[in-house]
Each structure stands twice: as C-alpha cells, then as structure tokens.
Amino acid sequence: MFSGTSILAIGIWFSPLGEWGTEIRKLTADEAFIQNWMQFHTDPASLEKAERALAKIRKEKKALEKKRNRFRLWFYPVIIGVGTGVMTLVSYLHGH
C-alpha cells in the first residue's frame, strides 16, 4: 500500500532536486577549499585568481539555489495533491 512518504520519495527520485542538492554541496565544498587555500597563498596574482574562482562558484551556486527554490514552490504542493489522491483512491478501492 502506498503511503505519503513513499509517494514523496518517488517524486523526489524522479525530480532533479537530489542532483541539484548534490551540486550545491559540491560547490560549497569547492568554495571552502579555495577560501582555505587563500589563507596560505598570499601573492596578489594567486589571490586575484582565487577571487575570480570564488565569484564564479558563488554565482553558479546562487543560480542553482534559485532554480531549486522555484522548483520547490510547485513541487511539494503537487506531490501532496497526488499523494492525497492516490491514498484516497486506494482507500476507496479497499473499502469496496
């Protein structure tokens, strides 16, 4: 029998949310690595390159977070509606 949790898990599995979350975590780790690297390399050319890399990572991370948040605005209400419909249908079919 389906439950609300299994329907949510199936929905998340078929959606790009997991992939986006993984990519955001990777970018966060890259950002932390570059920030730590900057503490030990103080020559101006290296710091300039690191700043450009950080700016690029932050821009990409922000774009992914924005895309993920927009997707979540409609994803969770749709999953709740589908889950409610499936559970109601299963309940109705088991009742008759």
PDB file of N, CA and C in Angstrom:
ATOM      1  N   MET A   1       0.838  -1.177   0.000  1.00  0.00           N
ATOM      2  CA  MET A   1       0.000   0.000   0.000  1.00  0.00           C
ATOM      3  C   MET A   1       0.887   1.246   0.000  1.00  0.00           C
ATOM      4  N   PHE A   2       0.465   2.252  -0.714  1.00  0.00           N
ATOM      5  CA  PHE A   2       1.225   3.489  -0.791  1.00  0.00           C
ATOM      6  C   PHE A   2       1.008   4.319   0.464  1.00  0.00           C
ATOM      7  N   SER A   3       2.046   5.004   0.848  1.00  0.00           N
ATOM      8  CA  SER A   3       1.916   5.974   1.934  1.00  0.00           C
ATOM      9  C   SER A   3       2.391   7.316   1.398  1.00  0.00           C
ATOM     10  N   GLY A   4       2.118   8.359   2.140  1.00  0.00           N
ATOM     11  CA  GLY A   4       2.541   9.690   1.716  1.00  0.00           C
ATOM     12  C   GLY A   4       4.048   9.799   1.581  1.00  0.00           C
ATOM     13  N   THR A   5       4.763   9.116   2.459  1.00  0.00           N
ATOM     14  CA  THR A   5       6.229   9.166   2.426  1.00  0.00           C
ATOM     15  C   THR A   5       6.771   8.493   1.179  1.00  0.00           C
ATOM     16  N   SER A   6       6.180   7.348   0.797  1.00  0.00           N
ATOM     17  CA  SER A   6       6.688   6.655  -0.391  1.00  0.00           C
ATOM     18  C   SER A   6       6.396   7.451  -1.660  1.00  0.00           C
ATOM     19  N   ILE A   7       5.272   8.121  -1.709  1.00  0.00           N
ATOM     20  CA  ILE A   7       4.953   8.941  -2.878  1.00  0.00           C
ATOM     21  C   ILE A   7       5.918  10.122  -2.960  1.00  0.00           C
ATOM     22  N   LEU A   8       6.240  10.734  -1.821  1.00  0.00           N
ATOM     23  CA  LEU A   8       7.205  11.826  -1.794  1.00  0.00           C
ATOM     24  C   LEU A   8       8.585  11.325  -2.235  1.00  0.00           C
ATOM     25  N   ALA A   9       8.979  10.149  -1.762  1.00  0.00           N
ATOM     26  CA  ALA A   9      10.283   9.591  -2.137  1.00  0.00           C
ATOM     27  C   ALA A   9      10.345   9.313  -3.637  1.00  0.00           C
ATOM     28  N   ILE A  10       9.280   8.784  -4.191  1.00  0.00           N
ATOM     29  CA  ILE A  10       9.239   8.519  -5.639  1.00  0.00           C
ATOM     30  C   ILE A  10       9.307   9.840  -6.407  1.00  0.00           C
ATOM     31  N   GLY A  11       8.574  10.835  -5.950  1.00  0.00           N
ATOM     32  CA  GLY A  11       8.591  12.146  -6.601  1.00  0.00           C
ATOM     33  C   GLY A  11       9.965  12.787  -6.577  1.00  0.00           C
ATOM     34  N   ILE A  12      10.632  12.692  -5.435  1.00  0.00           N
ATOM     35  CA  ILE A  12      11.973  13.260  -5.323  1.00  0.00           C
ATOM     36  C   ILE A  12      12.952  12.482  -6.196  1.00  0.00           C
ATOM     37  N   TRP A  13      12.779  11.180  -6.265  1.00  0.00           N
ATOM     38  CA  TRP A  13      13.670  10.348  -7.067  1.00  0.00           C
ATOM     39  C   TRP A  13      13.588  10.719  -8.547  1.00  0.00           C
ATOM     40  N   PHE A  14      12.389  11.025  -9.030  1.00  0.00           N
ATOM     41  CA  PHE A  14      12.207  11.395 -10.439  1.00  0.00           C
ATOM     42  C   PHE A  14      12.469  12.876 -10.712  1.00  0.00           C
ATOM     43  N   SER A  15      12.638  13.656  -9.669  1.00  0.00           N
ATOM     44  CA  SER A  15      12.866  15.094  -9.859  1.00  0.00           C
ATOM     45  C   SER A  15      14.369  15.397  -9.827  1.00  0.00           C
ATOM     46  N   PRO A  16      14.741  16.592 -10.255  1.00  0.00           N
ATOM     47  CA  PRO A  16      16.162  16.974 -10.216  1.00  0.00           C
ATOM     48  C   PRO A  16      16.616  17.518  -8.858  1.00  0.00           C
ATOM     49  N   LEU A  17      15.770  17.453  -7.825  1.00  0.00           N
ATOM     50  CA  LEU A  17      16.126  18.027  -6.528  1.00  0.00           C
ATOM     51  C   LEU A  17      17.383  17.412  -5.931  1.00  0.00           C
ATOM     52  N   GLY A  18      17.500  16.107  -5.998  1.00  0.00           N
ATOM     53  CA  GLY A  18      18.678  15.444  -5.442  1.00  0.00           C
ATOM     54  C   GLY A  18      19.950  15.831  -6.161  1.00  0.00           C
ATOM     55  N   GLU A  19      19.876  15.886  -7.472  1.00  0.00           N
ATOM     56  CA  GLU A  19      21.039  16.270  -8.278  1.00  0.00           C
ATOM     57  C   GLU A  19      21.459  17.706  -7.973  1.00  0.00           C
ATOM     58  N   TRP A  20      20.487  18.597  -7.869  1.00  0.00           N
ATOM     59  CA  TRP A  20      20.792  19.995  -7.564  1.00  0.00           C
ATOM     60  C   TRP A  20      21.397  20.124  -6.168  1.00  0.00           C
ATOM     61  N   GLY A  21      20.845  19.379  -5.202  1.00  0.00           N
ATOM     62  CA  GLY A  21      21.388  19.422  -3.843  1.00  0.00           C
ATOM     63  C   GLY A  21      22.831  18.947  -3.795  1.00  0.00           C
ATOM     64  N   THR A  22      23.118  17.882  -4.545  1.00  0.00           N
ATOM     65  CA  THR A  22      24.484  17.371  -4.612  1.00  0.00           C
ATOM     66  C   THR A  22      25.419  18.406  -5.216  1.00  0.00           C
ATOM     67  N   GLU A  23      24.982  19.052  -6.279  1.00  0.00           N
ATOM     68  CA  GLU A  23      25.811  20.054  -6.942  1.00  0.00           C
ATOM     69  C   GLU A  23      26.050  21.262  -6.021  1.00  0.00           C
ATOM     70  N   ILE A  24      25.032  21.674  -5.274  1.00  0.00           N
ATOM     71  CA  ILE A  24      25.181  22.795  -4.342  1.00  0.00           C
ATOM     72  C   ILE A  24      26.175  22.438  -3.234  1.00  0.00           C
ATOM     73  N   ARG A  25      26.095  21.212  -2.710  1.00  0.00           N
ATOM     74  CA  ARG A  25      27.049  20.781  -1.687  1.00  0.00           C
ATOM     75  C   ARG A  25      28.479  20.741  -2.245  1.00  0.00           C
ATOM     76  N   LYS A  26      28.635  20.309  -3.490  1.00  0.00           N
ATOM     77  CA  LYS A  26      29.955  20.271  -4.129  1.00  0.00           C
ATOM     78  C   LYS A  26      30.513  21.687  -4.279  1.00  0.00           C
ATOM     79  N   LEU A  27      29.673  22.613  -4.730  1.00  0.00           N
ATOM     80  CA  LEU A  27      30.119  23.998  -4.882  1.00  0.00           C
ATOM     81  C   LEU A  27      30.489  24.620  -3.535  1.00  0.00           C
ATOM     82  N   THR A  28      29.744  24.286  -2.486  1.00  0.00           N
ATOM     83  CA  THR A  28      30.052  24.780  -1.148  1.00  0.00           C
ATOM     84  C   THR A  28      31.404  24.254  -0.691  1.00  0.00           C
ATOM     85  N   ALA A  29      31.678  22.982  -0.952  1.00  0.00           N
ATOM     86  CA  ALA A  29      32.979  22.406  -0.596  1.00  0.00           C
ATOM     87  C   ALA A  29      34.102  23.054  -1.394  1.00  0.00           C
ATOM     88  N   ASP A  30      33.869  23.300  -2.675  1.00  0.00           N
ATOM     89  CA  ASP A  30      34.874  23.977  -3.501  1.00  0.00           C
ATOM     90  C   ASP A  30      35.164  25.379  -2.971  1.00  0.00           C
ATOM     91  N   GLU A  31      34.100  26.071  -2.584  1.00  0.00           N
ATOM     92  CA  GLU A  31      34.249  27.426  -2.041  1.00  0.00           C
ATOM     93  C   GLU A  31      35.086  27.406  -0.765  1.00  0.00           C
ATOM     94  N   ALA A  32      34.805  26.462   0.124  1.00  0.00           N
ATOM     95  CA  ALA A  32      35.569  26.350   1.371  1.00  0.00           C
ATOM     96  C   ALA A  32      37.033  26.005   1.086  1.00  0.00           C
ATOM     97  N   PHE A  33      37.273  25.129   0.110  1.00  0.00           N
ATOM     98  CA  PHE A  33      38.640  24.768  -0.245  1.00  0.00           C
ATOM     99  C   PHE A  33      39.425  25.981  -0.731  1.00  0.00           C
ATOM    100  N   ILE A  34      38.806  26.770  -1.596  1.00  0.00           N
ATOM    101  CA  ILE A  34      39.504  27.955  -2.125  1.00  0.00           C
ATOM    102  C   ILE A  34      39.758  28.979  -1.027  1.00  0.00           C
ATOM    103  N   GLN A  35      38.791  29.142  -0.131  1.00  0.00           N
ATOM    104  CA  GLN A  35      38.996  30.081   0.978  1.00  0.00           C
ATOM    105  C   GLN A  35      40.151  29.634   1.868  1.00  0.00           C
ATOM    106  N   ASN A  36      40.250  28.344   2.135  1.00  0.00           N
ATOM    107  CA  ASN A  36      41.376  27.834   2.928  1.00  0.00           C
ATOM    108  C   ASN A  36      42.690  27.996   2.164  1.00  0.00           C
ATOM    109  N   TRP A  37      42.655  27.746   0.880  1.00  0.00           N
ATOM    110  CA  TRP A  37      43.846  27.880   0.047  1.00  0.00           C
ATOM    111  C   TRP A  37      44.356  29.317   0.078  1.00  0.00           C
ATOM    112  N   MET A  38      43.427  30.270   0.078  1.00  0.00           N
ATOM    113  CA  MET A  38      43.794  31.689   0.072  1.00  0.00           C
ATOM    114  C   MET A  38      44.527  32.100   1.347  1.00  0.00           C
ATOM    115  N   GLN A  39      44.294  31.379   2.435  1.00  0.00           N
ATOM    116  CA  GLN A  39      44.961  31.711   3.688  1.00  0.00           C
ATOM    117  C   GLN A  39      46.465  31.436   3.621  1.00  0.00           C
ATOM    118  N   PHE A  40      46.859  30.494   2.774  1.00  0.00           N
ATOM    119  CA  PHE A  40      48.266  30.101   2.704  1.00  0.00           C
ATOM    120  C   PHE A  40      49.008  30.679   1.498  1.00  0.00           C
ATOM    121  N   HIS A  41      48.278  31.195   0.535  1.00  0.00           N
ATOM    122  CA  HIS A  41      48.898  31.772  -0.660  1.00  0.00           C
ATOM    123  C   HIS A  41      48.543  33.259  -0.700  1.00  0.00           C
ATOM    124  N   THR A  42      49.540  34.072  -0.471  1.00  0.00           N
ATOM    125  CA  THR A  42      49.257  35.497  -0.307  1.00  0.00           C
ATOM    126  C   THR A  42      49.774  36.378  -1.444  1.00  0.00           C
ATOM    127  N   ASP A  43      50.316  35.780  -2.493  1.00  0.00           N
ATOM    128  CA  ASP A  43      50.776  36.638  -3.586  1.00  0.00           C
ATOM    129  C   ASP A  43      49.569  37.191  -4.355  1.00  0.00           C
ATOM    130  N   PRO A  44      49.645  38.427  -4.816  1.00  0.00           N
ATOM    131  CA  PRO A  44      48.497  39.109  -5.431  1.00  0.00           C
ATOM    132  C   PRO A  44      47.909  38.396  -6.654  1.00  0.00           C
ATOM    133  N   ALA A  45      48.733  37.812  -7.475  1.00  0.00           N
ATOM    134  CA  ALA A  45      48.220  37.132  -8.678  1.00  0.00           C
ATOM    135  C   ALA A  45      47.378  35.926  -8.297  1.00  0.00           C
ATOM    136  N   SER A  46      47.854  35.151  -7.340  1.00  0.00           N
ATOM    137  CA  SER A  46      47.105  33.974  -6.894  1.00  0.00           C
ATOM    138  C   SER A  46      45.801  34.373  -6.217  1.00  0.00           C
ATOM    139  N   LEU A  47      45.860  35.409  -5.410  1.00  0.00           N
ATOM    140  CA  LEU A  47      44.650  35.869  -4.725  1.00  0.00           C
ATOM    141  C   LEU A  47      43.610  36.387  -5.718  1.00  0.00           C
ATOM    142  N   GLU A  48      44.074  37.048  -6.758  1.00  0.00           N
ATOM    143  CA  GLU A  48      43.148  37.541  -7.780  1.00  0.00           C
ATOM    144  C   GLU A  48      42.462  36.381  -8.497  1.00  0.00           C
ATOM    145  N   LYS A  49      43.241  35.359  -8.843  1.00  0.00           N
ATOM    146  CA  LYS A  49      42.664  34.169  -9.486  1.00  0.00           C
ATOM    147  C   LYS A  49      41.658  33.490  -8.560  1.00  0.00           C
ATOM    148  N   ALA A  50      42.023  33.393  -7.283  1.00  0.00           N
ATOM    149  CA  ALA A  50      41.131  32.754  -6.315  1.00  0.00           C
ATOM    150  C   ALA A  50      39.841  33.547  -6.159  1.00  0.00           C
ATOM    151  N   GLU A  51      39.929  34.863  -6.143  1.00  0.00           N
ATOM    152  CA  GLU A  51      38.733  35.702  -6.031  1.00  0.00           C
ATOM    153  C   GLU A  51      37.812  35.518  -7.239  1.00  0.00           C
ATOM    154  N   ARG A  52      38.401  35.426  -8.424  1.00  0.00           N
ATOM    155  CA  ARG A  52      37.588  35.189  -9.627  1.00  0.00           C
ATOM    156  C   ARG A  52      36.910  33.825  -9.557  1.00  0.00           C
ATOM    157  N   ALA A  53      37.653  32.820  -9.086  1.00  0.00           N
ATOM    158  CA  ALA A  53      37.069  31.480  -8.950  1.00  0.00           C
ATOM    159  C   ALA A  53      35.941  31.480  -7.926  1.00  0.00           C
ATOM    160  N   LEU A  54      36.150  32.175  -6.807  1.00  0.00           N
ATOM    161  CA  LEU A  54      35.097  32.271  -5.790  1.00  0.00           C
ATOM    162  C   LEU A  54      33.858  32.967  -6.341  1.00  0.00           C
ATOM    163  N   ALA A  55      34.050  34.028  -7.093  1.00  0.00           N
ATOM    164  CA  ALA A  55      32.914  34.746  -7.668  1.00  0.00           C
ATOM    165  C   ALA A  55      32.129  33.839  -8.616  1.00  0.00           C
ATOM    166  N   LYS A  56      32.848  33.073  -9.424  1.00  0.00           N
ATOM    167  CA  LYS A  56      32.190  32.152 -10.359  1.00  0.00           C
ATOM    168  C   LYS A  56      31.417  31.068  -9.611  1.00  0.00           C
ATOM    169  N   ILE A  57      32.032  30.503  -8.578  1.00  0.00           N
ATOM    170  CA  ILE A  57      31.378  29.456  -7.787  1.00  0.00           C
ATOM    171  C   ILE A  57      30.141  30.014  -7.104  1.00  0.00           C
ATOM    172  N   ARG A  58      30.250  31.192  -6.514  1.00  0.00           N
ATOM    173  CA  ARG A  58      29.102  31.785  -5.806  1.00  0.00           C
ATOM    174  C   ARG A  58      27.957  32.103  -6.764  1.00  0.00           C
ATOM    175  N   LYS A  59      28.299  32.571  -7.953  1.00  0.00           N
ATOM    176  CA  LYS A  59      27.270  32.886  -8.943  1.00  0.00           C
ATOM    177  C   LYS A  59      26.540  31.606  -9.369  1.00  0.00           C
ATOM    178  N   GLU A  60      27.298  30.556  -9.640  1.00  0.00           N
ATOM    179  CA  GLU A  60      26.697  29.284 -10.053  1.00  0.00           C
ATOM    180  C   GLU A  60      25.851  28.681  -8.928  1.00  0.00           C
ATOM    181  N   LYS A  61      26.363  28.764  -7.698  1.00  0.00           N
ATOM    182  CA  LYS A  61      25.635  28.235  -6.543  1.00  0.00           C
ATOM    183  C   LYS A  61      24.324  28.994  -6.329  1.00  0.00           C
ATOM    184  N   LYS A  62      24.386  30.308  -6.449  1.00  0.00           N
ATOM    185  CA  LYS A  62      23.185  31.138  -6.273  1.00  0.00           C
ATOM    186  C   LYS A  62      22.141  30.806  -7.339  1.00  0.00           C
ATOM    187  N   ALA A  63      22.591  30.608  -8.577  1.00  0.00           N
ATOM    188  CA  ALA A  63      21.660  30.265  -9.658  1.00  0.00           C
ATOM    189  C   ALA A  63      21.007  28.909  -9.409  1.00  0.00           C
ATOM    190  N   LEU A  64      21.789  27.933  -8.941  1.00  0.00           N
ATOM    191  CA  LEU A  64      21.219  26.615  -8.646  1.00  0.00           C
ATOM    192  C   LEU A  64      20.234  26.680  -7.488  1.00  0.00           C
ATOM    193  N   GLU A  65      20.580  27.433  -6.445  1.00  0.00           N
ATOM    194  CA  GLU A  65      19.671  27.566  -5.304  1.00  0.00           C
ATOM    195  C   GLU A  65      18.370  28.241  -5.714  1.00  0.00           C
ATOM    196  N   LYS A  66      18.464  29.240  -6.579  1.00  0.00           N
ATOM    197  CA  LYS A  66      17.268  29.934  -7.050  1.00  0.00           C
ATOM    198  C   LYS A  66      16.385  28.979  -7.860  1.00  0.00           C
ATOM    199  N   LYS A  67      17.014  28.204  -8.733  1.00  0.00           N
ATOM    200  CA  LYS A  67      16.275  27.240  -9.545  1.00  0.00           C
ATOM    201  C   LYS A  67      15.608  26.182  -8.656  1.00  0.00           C
ATOM    202  N   ARG A  68      16.359  25.682  -7.661  1.00  0.00           N
ATOM    203  CA  ARG A  68      15.822  24.667  -6.752  1.00  0.00           C
ATOM    204  C   ARG A  68      14.660  25.222  -5.947  1.00  0.00           C
ATOM    205  N   ASN A  69      14.773  26.462  -5.458  1.00  0.00           N
ATOM    206  CA  ASN A  69      13.695  27.051  -4.665  1.00  0.00           C
ATOM    207  C   ASN A  69      12.439  27.303  -5.498  1.00  0.00           C
ATOM    208  N   ARG A  70      12.608  27.747  -6.746  1.00  0.00           N
ATOM    209  CA  ARG A  70      11.445  27.931  -7.636  1.00  0.00           C
ATOM    210  C   ARG A  70      10.760  26.594  -7.892  1.00  0.00           C
ATOM    211  N   PHE A  71      11.557  25.564  -8.104  1.00  0.00           N
ATOM    212  CA  PHE A  71      11.008  24.230  -8.366  1.00  0.00           C
ATOM    213  C   PHE A  71      10.229  23.728  -7.148  1.00  0.00           C
ATOM    214  N   ARG A  72      10.759  23.960  -5.955  1.00  0.00           N
ATOM    215  CA  ARG A  72      10.097  23.507  -4.729  1.00  0.00           C
ATOM    216  C   ARG A  72       8.749  24.184  -4.520  1.00  0.00           C
ATOM    217  N   LEU A  73       8.585  25.422  -5.013  1.00  0.00           N
ATOM    218  CA  LEU A  73       7.333  26.144  -4.811  1.00  0.00           C
ATOM    219  C   LEU A  73       6.129  25.406  -5.379  1.00  0.00           C
ATOM    220  N   TRP A  74       6.318  24.710  -6.481  1.00  0.00           N
ATOM    221  CA  TRP A  74       5.193  23.972  -7.040  1.00  0.00           C
ATOM    222  C   TRP A  74       5.329  22.471  -6.821  1.00  0.00           C
ATOM    223  N   PHE A  75       6.528  21.964  -6.601  1.00  0.00           N
ATOM    224  CA  PHE A  75       6.746  20.527  -6.477  1.00  0.00           C
ATOM    225  C   PHE A  75       6.034  19.939  -5.261  1.00  0.00           C
ATOM    226  N   TYR A  76       6.258  20.502  -4.080  1.00  0.00           N
ATOM    227  CA  TYR A  76       5.681  19.932  -2.874  1.00  0.00           C
ATOM    228  C   TYR A  76       4.152  20.005  -2.857  1.00  0.00           C
ATOM    229  N   PRO A  77       3.521  21.106  -3.264  1.00  0.00           N
ATOM    230  CA  PRO A  77       2.054  21.081  -3.320  1.00  0.00           C
ATOM    231  C   PRO A  77       1.505  20.032  -4.300  1.00  0.00           C
ATOM    232  N   VAL A  78       2.182  19.860  -5.432  1.00  0.00           N
ATOM    233  CA  VAL A  78       1.733  18.853  -6.399  1.00  0.00           C
ATOM    234  C   VAL A  78       1.875  17.461  -5.807  1.00  0.00           C
ATOM    235  N   ILE A  79       2.991  17.182  -5.139  1.00  0.00           N
ATOM    236  CA  ILE A  79       3.202  15.865  -4.521  1.00  0.00           C
ATOM    237  C   ILE A  79       2.154  15.610  -3.446  1.00  0.00           C
ATOM    238  N   ILE A  80       1.836  16.630  -2.667  1.00  0.00           N
ATOM    239  CA  ILE A  80       0.800  16.469  -1.636  1.00  0.00           C
ATOM    240  C   ILE A  80      -0.539  16.150  -2.287  1.00  0.00           C
ATOM    241  N   GLY A  81      -0.876  16.843  -3.364  1.00  0.00           N
ATOM    242  CA  GLY A  81      -2.126  16.571  -4.072  1.00  0.00           C
ATOM    243  C   GLY A  81      -2.158  15.179  -4.674  1.00  0.00           C
ATOM    244  N   VAL A  82      -1.077  14.771  -5.319  1.00  0.00           N
ATOM    245  CA  VAL A  82      -1.013  13.429  -5.912  1.00  0.00           C
ATOM    246  C   VAL A  82      -1.076  12.371  -4.818  1.00  0.00           C
ATOM    247  N   GLY A  83      -0.325  12.572  -3.739  1.00  0.00           N
ATOM    248  CA  GLY A  83      -0.334  11.604  -2.637  1.00  0.00           C
ATOM    249  C   GLY A  83      -1.704  11.464  -2.014  1.00  0.00           C
ATOM    250  N   THR A  84      -2.392  12.575  -1.812  1.00  0.00           N
ATOM    251  CA  THR A  84      -3.743  12.539  -1.254  1.00  0.00           C
ATOM    252  C   THR A  84      -4.684  11.803  -2.202  1.00  0.00           C
ATOM    253  N   GLY A  85      -4.561  12.086  -3.487  1.00  0.00           N
ATOM    254  CA  GLY A  85      -5.409  11.406  -4.470  1.00  0.00           C
ATOM    255  C   GLY A  85      -5.156   9.912  -4.510  1.00  0.00           C
ATOM    256  N   VAL A  86      -3.903   9.513  -4.503  1.00  0.00           N
ATOM    257  CA  VAL A  86      -3.575   8.080  -4.537  1.00  0.00           C
ATOM    258  C   VAL A  86      -4.054   7.388  -3.276  1.00  0.00           C
ATOM    259  N   MET A  87      -3.822   8.004  -2.123  1.00  0.00           N
ATOM    260  CA  MET A  87      -4.259   7.376  -0.872  1.00  0.00           C
ATOM    261  C   MET A  87      -5.782   7.302  -0.796  1.00  0.00           C
ATOM    262  N   THR A  88      -6.487   8.298  -1.303  1.00  0.00           N
ATOM    263  CA  THR A  88      -7.946   8.265  -1.327  1.00  0.00           C
ATOM    264  C   THR A  88      -8.440   7.174  -2.261  1.00  0.00           C
ATOM    265  N   LEU A  89      -7.834   7.050  -3.417  1.00  0.00           N
ATOM    266  CA  LEU A  89      -8.203   6.006  -4.373  1.00  0.00           C
ATOM    267  C   LEU A  89      -7.951   4.622  -3.797  1.00  0.00           C
ATOM    268  N   VAL A  90      -6.809   4.415  -3.191  1.00  0.00           N
ATOM    269  CA  VAL A  90      -6.500   3.110  -2.592  1.00  0.00           C
ATOM    270  C   VAL A  90      -7.474   2.804  -1.460  1.00  0.00           C
ATOM    271  N   SER A  91      -7.762   3.795  -0.637  1.00  0.00           N
ATOM    272  CA  SER A  91      -8.717   3.607   0.453  1.00  0.00           C
ATOM    273  C   SER A  91     -10.098   3.258  -0.110  1.00  0.00           C
ATOM    274  N   TYR A  92     -10.510   3.934  -1.145  1.00  0.00           N
ATOM    275  CA  TYR A  92     -11.813   3.664  -1.766  1.00  0.00           C
ATOM    276  C   TYR A  92     -11.845   2.258  -2.354  1.00  0.00           C
ATOM    277  N   LEU A  93     -10.792   1.853  -3.036  1.00  0.00           N
ATOM    278  CA  LEU A  93     -10.760   0.527  -3.647  1.00  0.00           C
ATOM    279  C   LEU A  93     -10.708  -0.581  -2.603  1.00  0.00           C
ATOM    280  N   HIS A  94     -10.055  -0.354  -1.490  1.00  0.00           N
ATOM    281  CA  HIS A  94     -10.020  -1.367  -0.445  1.00  0.00           C
ATOM    282  C   HIS A  94     -11.332  -1.408   0.341  1.00  0.00           C
ATOM    283  N   GLY A  95     -12.070  -0.326   0.328  1.00  0.00           N
ATOM    284  CA  GLY A  95     -13.334  -0.265   1.045  1.00  0.00           C
ATOM    285  C   GLY A  95     -14.465  -0.977   0.316  1.00  0.00           C
ATOM    286  N   HIS A  96     -14.334  -1.145  -1.006  1.00  0.00           N
ATOM    287  CA  HIS A  96     -15.410  -1.762  -1.788  1.00  0.00           C
ATOM    288  C   HIS A  96     -15.022  -3.097  -2.320  1.00  0.00           C
TER     289      HIS A  96
END
